[in-house]
Structure formats: C-alpha cells, structure tokens
Amino acid sequence: MNDMTVAQKDKLMADLRVVISDAEELLRLGAEQTGASATEWRAKVEERISRAKLKLEDLQDSAVAKAKAAGHAADDYVHEHPWKAIGAAAGIGLIVGLLIGRR
C-alpha cells in the first residue's frame, strides 16, 4: 500500500466514503428489523463502519502529511539549487513543447 500514487489514494478514499455511506444506509434500512440477531448484526456493522472511518481518516492524514513533506523537500531543493531547478524546468518545458509541436 506504500507504493500507491496520490491519485490512487484519492480514488481509494472516495471509494471508501461511498462504501461507508452505503453501509450506513443499509444499517438504517435494517433498523426496522427486530430480534436478537438483528441487534447483534447492527452492532457489528456499526463497529465495522466506525473502524473504516478511522482508517480512512488515518489514510487521509498520512497522505496530507506526505504531500506537505514532499512540497517542503521540493521547496528546500529549489532554494538550495536554483540553477538546477531552472535547468530541469527548462528541459521539461522543451520536451513538452517538442511533443506538442509534433501534433
């Protein structure tokens, strides 16, 4: 899971939010059922939803922290090596320009 890209993590978080929302809706619909087994089932589902929400929040916090760290590292590098950063940006711009110009 450490090899996931930011886009993959964002998609995973969005998918998890949908799943949690659907599970909460199912729980509301199942609230009409009565009996010991229904009560036990609802308690299990509520606990799993709570755990999923906590994991989702942890994943989101971790992703934000890593993004901030990467931003700070890039900022530090640019301040320490401005000419290398300018050269890299110019090289990337040249390559993108050439690729666009071929169309």
N, C-alpha and C. Protein backbone atom coordinates (compact mmCIF):
# COMPACT_ATOMS: atom_id res chain seq x y z
N MET A 1 0.82 -1.19 0.00
CA MET A 1 0.00 0.00 0.00
C MET A 1 0.87 1.25 0.00
N ASN A 2 2.14 1.13 0.37
CA ASN A 2 3.04 2.26 0.38
C ASN A 2 3.41 2.71 -1.02
N ASP A 3 3.24 1.85 -2.02
CA ASP A 3 3.60 2.17 -3.39
C ASP A 3 2.47 2.84 -4.15
N MET A 4 1.38 3.19 -3.48
CA MET A 4 0.24 3.80 -4.15
C MET A 4 0.55 5.25 -4.49
N THR A 5 0.06 5.69 -5.64
CA THR A 5 0.21 7.08 -6.02
C THR A 5 -0.84 7.91 -5.31
N VAL A 6 -0.68 9.20 -5.36
CA VAL A 6 -1.64 10.10 -4.72
C VAL A 6 -3.01 9.94 -5.37
N ALA A 7 -3.05 9.80 -6.68
CA ALA A 7 -4.33 9.63 -7.38
C ALA A 7 -5.02 8.34 -6.95
N GLN A 8 -4.24 7.28 -6.79
CA GLN A 8 -4.81 6.01 -6.35
C GLN A 8 -5.35 6.12 -4.93
N LYS A 9 -4.63 6.82 -4.06
CA LYS A 9 -5.09 7.01 -2.70
C LYS A 9 -6.37 7.85 -2.67
N ASP A 10 -6.41 8.89 -3.51
CA ASP A 10 -7.61 9.72 -3.57
C ASP A 10 -8.81 8.90 -4.03
N LYS A 11 -8.60 8.05 -5.03
CA LYS A 11 -9.69 7.21 -5.53
C LYS A 11 -10.11 6.22 -4.46
N LEU A 12 -9.14 5.64 -3.76
CA LEU A 12 -9.46 4.70 -2.69
C LEU A 12 -10.27 5.38 -1.60
N MET A 13 -9.87 6.58 -1.21
CA MET A 13 -10.61 7.30 -0.17
C MET A 13 -12.02 7.62 -0.64
N ALA A 14 -12.18 8.02 -1.89
CA ALA A 14 -13.52 8.31 -2.42
C ALA A 14 -14.37 7.04 -2.44
N ASP A 15 -13.77 5.93 -2.86
CA ASP A 15 -14.50 4.66 -2.88
C ASP A 15 -14.89 4.22 -1.48
N LEU A 16 -13.98 4.39 -0.52
CA LEU A 16 -14.30 4.03 0.86
C LEU A 16 -15.43 4.89 1.42
N ARG A 17 -15.44 6.16 1.07
CA ARG A 17 -16.53 7.04 1.52
C ARG A 17 -17.87 6.55 0.98
N VAL A 18 -17.89 6.13 -0.28
CA VAL A 18 -19.12 5.62 -0.87
C VAL A 18 -19.56 4.34 -0.17
N VAL A 19 -18.62 3.44 0.08
CA VAL A 19 -18.93 2.18 0.76
C VAL A 19 -19.48 2.46 2.16
N ILE A 20 -18.85 3.36 2.88
CA ILE A 20 -19.31 3.69 4.23
C ILE A 20 -20.70 4.30 4.18
N SER A 21 -20.92 5.18 3.24
CA SER A 21 -22.25 5.79 3.09
C SER A 21 -23.31 4.73 2.78
N ASP A 22 -22.99 3.81 1.88
CA ASP A 22 -23.92 2.73 1.54
C ASP A 22 -24.18 1.84 2.75
N ALA A 23 -23.14 1.53 3.51
CA ALA A 23 -23.30 0.68 4.69
C ALA A 23 -24.16 1.36 5.74
N GLU A 24 -23.98 2.67 5.90
CA GLU A 24 -24.82 3.40 6.86
C GLU A 24 -26.28 3.38 6.42
N GLU A 25 -26.51 3.50 5.12
CA GLU A 25 -27.88 3.44 4.60
C GLU A 25 -28.49 2.06 4.84
N LEU A 26 -27.72 1.01 4.58
CA LEU A 26 -28.19 -0.35 4.85
C LEU A 26 -28.51 -0.54 6.33
N LEU A 27 -27.69 0.05 7.17
CA LEU A 27 -27.92 -0.05 8.61
C LEU A 27 -29.23 0.64 8.99
N ARG A 28 -29.50 1.79 8.39
CA ARG A 28 -30.77 2.49 8.66
C ARG A 28 -31.95 1.65 8.18
N LEU A 29 -31.79 1.04 7.00
CA LEU A 29 -32.88 0.22 6.48
C LEU A 29 -33.09 -1.03 7.33
N GLY A 30 -31.99 -1.59 7.86
CA GLY A 30 -32.08 -2.78 8.68
C GLY A 30 -32.58 -2.49 10.09
N ALA A 31 -32.66 -1.20 10.44
CA ALA A 31 -33.11 -0.84 11.79
C ALA A 31 -34.56 -1.24 12.03
N GLU A 32 -35.31 -1.44 10.96
CA GLU A 32 -36.71 -1.82 11.09
C GLU A 32 -36.86 -3.27 11.54
N GLN A 33 -35.83 -4.07 11.32
CA GLN A 33 -35.89 -5.48 11.73
C GLN A 33 -35.69 -5.57 13.24
N THR A 34 -36.29 -6.57 13.83
CA THR A 34 -36.19 -6.73 15.28
C THR A 34 -35.62 -8.10 15.61
N GLY A 35 -35.32 -8.31 16.85
CA GLY A 35 -34.81 -9.59 17.30
C GLY A 35 -33.37 -9.50 17.73
N ALA A 36 -32.93 -10.52 18.42
CA ALA A 36 -31.56 -10.55 18.95
C ALA A 36 -30.53 -10.60 17.84
N SER A 37 -30.80 -11.39 16.81
CA SER A 37 -29.81 -11.49 15.72
C SER A 37 -29.70 -10.18 14.96
N ALA A 38 -30.80 -9.46 14.79
CA ALA A 38 -30.77 -8.17 14.10
C ALA A 38 -29.99 -7.15 14.92
N THR A 39 -30.17 -7.17 16.25
CA THR A 39 -29.45 -6.25 17.12
C THR A 39 -27.96 -6.54 17.09
N GLU A 40 -27.61 -7.81 17.13
CA GLU A 40 -26.20 -8.20 17.06
C GLU A 40 -25.59 -7.80 15.72
N TRP A 41 -26.33 -8.01 14.65
CA TRP A 41 -25.86 -7.66 13.30
C TRP A 41 -25.62 -6.16 13.20
N ARG A 42 -26.56 -5.36 13.70
CA ARG A 42 -26.41 -3.90 13.65
C ARG A 42 -25.19 -3.45 14.44
N ALA A 43 -24.96 -4.04 15.60
CA ALA A 43 -23.79 -3.67 16.41
C ALA A 43 -22.50 -3.97 15.68
N LYS A 44 -22.42 -5.11 15.03
CA LYS A 44 -21.21 -5.48 14.26
C LYS A 44 -20.99 -4.50 13.10
N VAL A 45 -22.08 -4.20 12.40
CA VAL A 45 -21.96 -3.28 11.26
C VAL A 45 -21.54 -1.90 11.74
N GLU A 46 -22.12 -1.42 12.83
CA GLU A 46 -21.75 -0.11 13.35
C GLU A 46 -20.27 -0.07 13.74
N GLU A 47 -19.78 -1.13 14.35
CA GLU A 47 -18.37 -1.19 14.74
C GLU A 47 -17.47 -1.19 13.50
N ARG A 48 -17.83 -1.95 12.50
CA ARG A 48 -17.02 -2.00 11.28
C ARG A 48 -17.02 -0.66 10.56
N ILE A 49 -18.16 0.01 10.56
CA ILE A 49 -18.23 1.34 9.93
C ILE A 49 -17.33 2.31 10.69
N SER A 50 -17.38 2.25 12.00
CA SER A 50 -16.53 3.14 12.81
C SER A 50 -15.05 2.88 12.54
N ARG A 51 -14.66 1.60 12.48
CA ARG A 51 -13.26 1.27 12.19
C ARG A 51 -12.86 1.75 10.79
N ALA A 52 -13.76 1.57 9.82
CA ALA A 52 -13.46 2.00 8.45
C ALA A 52 -13.29 3.52 8.39
N LYS A 53 -14.12 4.25 9.12
CA LYS A 53 -14.00 5.71 9.14
C LYS A 53 -12.67 6.13 9.76
N LEU A 54 -12.27 5.48 10.84
CA LEU A 54 -10.99 5.81 11.47
C LEU A 54 -9.82 5.52 10.54
N LYS A 55 -9.86 4.39 9.87
CA LYS A 55 -8.79 4.04 8.93
C LYS A 55 -8.73 5.03 7.77
N LEU A 56 -9.92 5.45 7.31
CA LEU A 56 -9.98 6.42 6.22
C LEU A 56 -9.39 7.75 6.66
N GLU A 57 -9.70 8.17 7.88
CA GLU A 57 -9.12 9.42 8.39
C GLU A 57 -7.61 9.30 8.53
N ASP A 58 -7.13 8.16 9.02
CA ASP A 58 -5.69 7.95 9.14
C ASP A 58 -5.00 8.00 7.78
N LEU A 59 -5.61 7.35 6.79
CA LEU A 59 -5.05 7.35 5.44
C LEU A 59 -5.01 8.76 4.88
N GLN A 60 -6.07 9.51 5.11
CA GLN A 60 -6.13 10.88 4.61
C GLN A 60 -5.07 11.74 5.31
N ASP A 61 -4.95 11.62 6.62
CA ASP A 61 -3.95 12.39 7.36
C ASP A 61 -2.54 12.04 6.89
N SER A 62 -2.30 10.75 6.66
CA SER A 62 -0.99 10.31 6.19
C SER A 62 -0.69 10.88 4.81
N ALA A 63 -1.67 10.86 3.93
CA ALA A 63 -1.47 11.37 2.57
C ALA A 63 -1.19 12.87 2.60
N VAL A 64 -1.90 13.60 3.45
CA VAL A 64 -1.68 15.05 3.55
C VAL A 64 -0.29 15.33 4.11
N ALA A 65 0.11 14.58 5.13
CA ALA A 65 1.43 14.79 5.72
C ALA A 65 2.54 14.50 4.71
N LYS A 66 2.38 13.42 3.93
CA LYS A 66 3.40 13.08 2.92
C LYS A 66 3.45 14.13 1.82
N ALA A 67 2.29 14.65 1.42
CA ALA A 67 2.26 15.68 0.38
C ALA A 67 2.94 16.96 0.88
N LYS A 68 2.68 17.31 2.13
CA LYS A 68 3.32 18.51 2.69
C LYS A 68 4.83 18.31 2.78
N ALA A 69 5.26 17.13 3.20
CA ALA A 69 6.69 16.85 3.31
C ALA A 69 7.36 16.91 1.94
N ALA A 70 6.70 16.37 0.94
CA ALA A 70 7.25 16.41 -0.42
C ALA A 70 7.34 17.85 -0.91
N GLY A 71 6.33 18.64 -0.62
CA GLY A 71 6.34 20.05 -1.01
C GLY A 71 7.46 20.81 -0.34
N HIS A 72 7.67 20.56 0.95
CA HIS A 72 8.76 21.22 1.67
C HIS A 72 10.12 20.78 1.13
N ALA A 73 10.25 19.50 0.83
CA ALA A 73 11.51 19.00 0.28
C ALA A 73 11.80 19.64 -1.07
N ALA A 74 10.79 19.75 -1.92
CA ALA A 74 10.98 20.38 -3.23
C ALA A 74 11.33 21.85 -3.06
N ASP A 75 10.66 22.52 -2.13
CA ASP A 75 10.94 23.93 -1.88
C ASP A 75 12.38 24.12 -1.39
N ASP A 76 12.80 23.27 -0.47
CA ASP A 76 14.18 23.35 0.04
C ASP A 76 15.19 23.11 -1.07
N TYR A 77 14.92 22.11 -1.93
CA TYR A 77 15.85 21.81 -3.02
C TYR A 77 15.98 23.00 -3.98
N VAL A 78 14.84 23.61 -4.30
CA VAL A 78 14.86 24.74 -5.23
C VAL A 78 15.63 25.91 -4.63
N HIS A 79 15.46 26.12 -3.32
CA HIS A 79 16.21 27.21 -2.69
C HIS A 79 17.71 26.92 -2.60
N GLU A 80 18.07 25.66 -2.42
CA GLU A 80 19.48 25.30 -2.32
C GLU A 80 20.16 25.19 -3.69
N HIS A 81 19.41 24.81 -4.71
CA HIS A 81 19.96 24.61 -6.06
C HIS A 81 19.07 25.30 -7.11
N PRO A 82 19.03 26.62 -7.10
CA PRO A 82 18.10 27.31 -8.02
C PRO A 82 18.42 27.07 -9.49
N TRP A 83 19.70 27.02 -9.86
CA TRP A 83 20.03 26.86 -11.28
C TRP A 83 19.71 25.45 -11.77
N LYS A 84 19.88 24.46 -10.92
CA LYS A 84 19.50 23.10 -11.31
C LYS A 84 17.99 23.02 -11.52
N ALA A 85 17.23 23.67 -10.65
CA ALA A 85 15.77 23.66 -10.77
C ALA A 85 15.33 24.38 -12.05
N ILE A 86 15.97 25.50 -12.34
CA ILE A 86 15.63 26.24 -13.56
C ILE A 86 15.97 25.40 -14.78
N GLY A 87 17.13 24.75 -14.76
CA GLY A 87 17.54 23.90 -15.89
C GLY A 87 16.58 22.73 -16.08
N ALA A 88 16.19 22.10 -14.98
CA ALA A 88 15.25 20.98 -15.08
C ALA A 88 13.90 21.44 -15.63
N ALA A 89 13.42 22.58 -15.14
CA ALA A 89 12.14 23.11 -15.62
C ALA A 89 12.23 23.46 -17.11
N ALA A 90 13.35 24.05 -17.52
CA ALA A 90 13.53 24.39 -18.93
C ALA A 90 13.58 23.13 -19.79
N GLY A 91 14.29 22.12 -19.31
CA GLY A 91 14.37 20.85 -20.06
C GLY A 91 13.01 20.19 -20.20
N ILE A 92 12.26 20.16 -19.13
CA ILE A 92 10.91 19.57 -19.20
C ILE A 92 10.02 20.39 -20.12
N GLY A 93 10.14 21.71 -20.03
CA GLY A 93 9.36 22.58 -20.92
C GLY A 93 9.71 22.35 -22.38
N LEU A 94 10.99 22.16 -22.67
CA LEU A 94 11.44 21.90 -24.04
C LEU A 94 10.86 20.59 -24.55
N ILE A 95 10.94 19.56 -23.73
CA ILE A 95 10.41 18.24 -24.14
C ILE A 95 8.90 18.31 -24.37
N VAL A 96 8.18 18.95 -23.46
CA VAL A 96 6.73 19.07 -23.64
C VAL A 96 6.43 19.89 -24.88
N GLY A 97 7.18 20.95 -25.12
CA GLY A 97 6.99 21.77 -26.31
C GLY A 97 7.21 20.99 -27.59
N LEU A 98 8.26 20.16 -27.60
CA LEU A 98 8.53 19.34 -28.77
C LEU A 98 7.42 18.32 -29.01
N LEU A 99 6.94 17.72 -27.93
CA LEU A 99 5.85 16.73 -28.07
C LEU A 99 4.57 17.38 -28.57
N ILE A 100 4.27 18.57 -28.07
CA ILE A 100 3.06 19.27 -28.53
C ILE A 100 3.23 19.72 -29.97
N GLY A 101 4.44 20.14 -30.32
CA GLY A 101 4.69 20.62 -31.67
C GLY A 101 4.58 19.54 -32.73
N ARG A 102 4.72 18.29 -32.36
CA ARG A 102 4.63 17.18 -33.32
C ARG A 102 3.21 16.90 -33.75
N ARG A 103 2.26 17.33 -32.99
CA ARG A 103 0.85 17.04 -33.34
C ARG A 103 0.40 17.86 -34.44
